[in-house]
Amino acid sequence: MVLLAMVRAMLNQEGKSPDSLPEWLRDYPVTIIQFLFFLYHNMADFMPVFMGGDVLGALAGTLFPRQPGSETGSGSSTPSDEPKVFFLLINFLAYIIFWHRCIC
């Protein structure tokens, strides 16, 4: 969940002012989501962790920018406007939900 919080923070920072992040850091959210998907897909020990409500909630929360003054980060307005990250997160959530339904 720490990695997802970091992704959300980077997306929020980039949404405020796109030039605030260095060029080399702009692709980190995509890389982190791809790494988490790799762990989920290839390491059976990680599957139950990713199926937990906390992780699913953090994944879904990453899609929405944090509103100023929101302490818990539960207040959100619109989905992230980063198309590649948005696409990866939606696919990751769908894969977890549908895979979980298939193995239950």
Protein backbone atom coordinates (compact mmCIF):
# COMPACT_ATOMS: atom_id res chain seq x y z
CA MET A 1 0.00 0.00 0.00
CA VAL A 2 2.98 2.28 0.48
CA LEU A 3 3.87 1.92 -3.18
CA LEU A 4 0.32 2.75 -4.20
CA ALA A 5 0.36 5.82 -1.96
CA MET A 6 3.60 6.86 -3.66
CA VAL A 7 2.02 6.39 -7.10
CA ARG A 8 -0.98 8.45 -6.04
CA ALA A 9 1.26 11.21 -4.67
CA MET A 10 3.29 11.34 -7.88
CA LEU A 11 0.15 11.46 -10.02
CA ASN A 12 -1.27 14.24 -7.84
CA GLN A 13 1.96 16.21 -8.05
CA GLU A 14 2.13 15.77 -11.81
CA GLY A 15 -1.51 16.81 -12.13
CA LYS A 16 -0.88 20.09 -10.31
CA SER A 17 2.08 21.10 -12.43
CA PRO A 18 3.45 18.67 -15.03
CA ASP A 19 6.96 20.15 -14.89
CA SER A 20 7.29 19.69 -11.12
CA LEU A 21 8.58 16.11 -11.44
CA PRO A 22 11.95 15.46 -13.07
CA GLU A 23 11.79 13.70 -16.44
CA TRP A 24 13.26 10.47 -15.05
CA LEU A 25 10.57 10.27 -12.35
CA ARG A 26 7.54 10.69 -14.61
CA ASP A 27 7.46 7.02 -15.66
CA TYR A 28 7.72 5.64 -12.12
CA PRO A 29 3.96 5.29 -11.55
CA VAL A 30 3.68 3.07 -14.64
CA THR A 31 6.74 1.05 -13.62
CA ILE A 32 5.45 0.51 -10.08
CA ILE A 33 2.01 -0.64 -11.26
CA GLN A 34 3.64 -3.00 -13.78
CA PHE A 35 5.87 -4.40 -11.01
CA LEU A 36 2.91 -4.96 -8.68
CA PHE A 37 1.01 -6.69 -11.49
CA PHE A 38 4.07 -8.86 -12.15
CA LEU A 39 4.15 -9.89 -8.47
CA TYR A 40 0.44 -10.65 -8.46
CA HIS A 41 0.58 -12.61 -11.69
CA ASN A 42 3.79 -14.59 -11.09
CA MET A 43 4.10 -15.02 -7.32
CA ALA A 44 1.32 -17.12 -5.82
CA ASP A 45 2.14 -15.86 -2.30
CA PHE A 46 1.15 -12.33 -3.27
CA MET A 47 -2.29 -13.20 -4.66
CA PRO A 48 -4.12 -13.26 -1.30
CA VAL A 49 -2.52 -9.94 -0.34
CA PHE A 50 -3.77 -8.23 -3.49
CA MET A 51 -7.26 -9.67 -3.02
CA GLY A 52 -7.59 -7.96 0.36
CA GLY A 53 -9.90 -5.02 0.76
CA ASP A 54 -7.12 -2.65 1.81
CA VAL A 55 -5.08 -3.22 -1.33
CA LEU A 56 -8.10 -3.16 -3.63
CA GLY A 57 -9.23 0.08 -1.99
CA ALA A 58 -5.76 1.58 -2.39
CA LEU A 59 -5.67 0.52 -6.06
CA ALA A 60 -9.05 2.11 -6.69
CA GLY A 61 -8.06 5.21 -4.69
CA THR A 62 -4.99 5.66 -6.85
CA LEU A 63 -7.28 6.40 -9.78
CA PHE A 64 -8.64 9.51 -8.11
CA PRO A 65 -6.63 12.59 -7.15
CA ARG A 66 -6.46 13.61 -3.54
CA GLN A 67 -8.47 16.72 -2.73
CA PRO A 68 -6.78 19.50 -0.76
CA GLY A 69 -7.60 19.28 2.92
CA SER A 70 -8.54 15.60 2.77
CA GLU A 71 -6.71 13.84 5.60
CA THR A 72 -7.65 10.30 4.71
CA GLY A 73 -7.53 10.75 0.96
CA SER A 74 -11.06 9.40 0.68
CA GLY A 75 -12.32 12.61 -0.89
CA SER A 76 -11.82 12.43 -4.60
CA SER A 77 -13.12 14.20 -7.63
CA THR A 78 -12.29 12.77 -11.05
CA PRO A 79 -10.17 9.88 -12.26
CA SER A 80 -6.51 10.43 -13.00
CA ASP A 81 -5.90 11.99 -16.38
CA GLU A 82 -2.75 9.94 -16.96
CA PRO A 83 -4.05 7.56 -19.64
CA LYS A 84 -1.37 4.87 -19.38
CA VAL A 85 -1.50 4.67 -15.58
CA PHE A 86 -5.31 4.79 -15.64
CA PHE A 87 -5.41 1.95 -18.18
CA LEU A 88 -2.96 -0.19 -16.17
CA LEU A 89 -4.83 0.35 -12.91
CA ILE A 90 -8.21 -0.48 -14.43
CA ASN A 91 -6.81 -3.64 -16.03
CA PHE A 92 -5.09 -4.64 -12.79
CA LEU A 93 -8.31 -4.21 -10.79
CA ALA A 94 -10.36 -6.06 -13.40
CA TYR A 95 -7.85 -8.91 -13.51
CA ILE A 96 -7.88 -9.30 -9.73
CA ILE A 97 -11.67 -9.16 -9.48
CA PHE A 98 -12.36 -11.54 -12.36
CA TRP A 99 -9.54 -13.91 -11.46
CA HIS A 100 -10.78 -14.04 -7.88
CA ARG A 101 -14.30 -14.85 -9.08
CA CYS A 102 -12.97 -17.65 -11.28
CA ILE A 103 -10.98 -19.42 -8.57
CA CYS A 104 -13.66 -19.15 -5.84
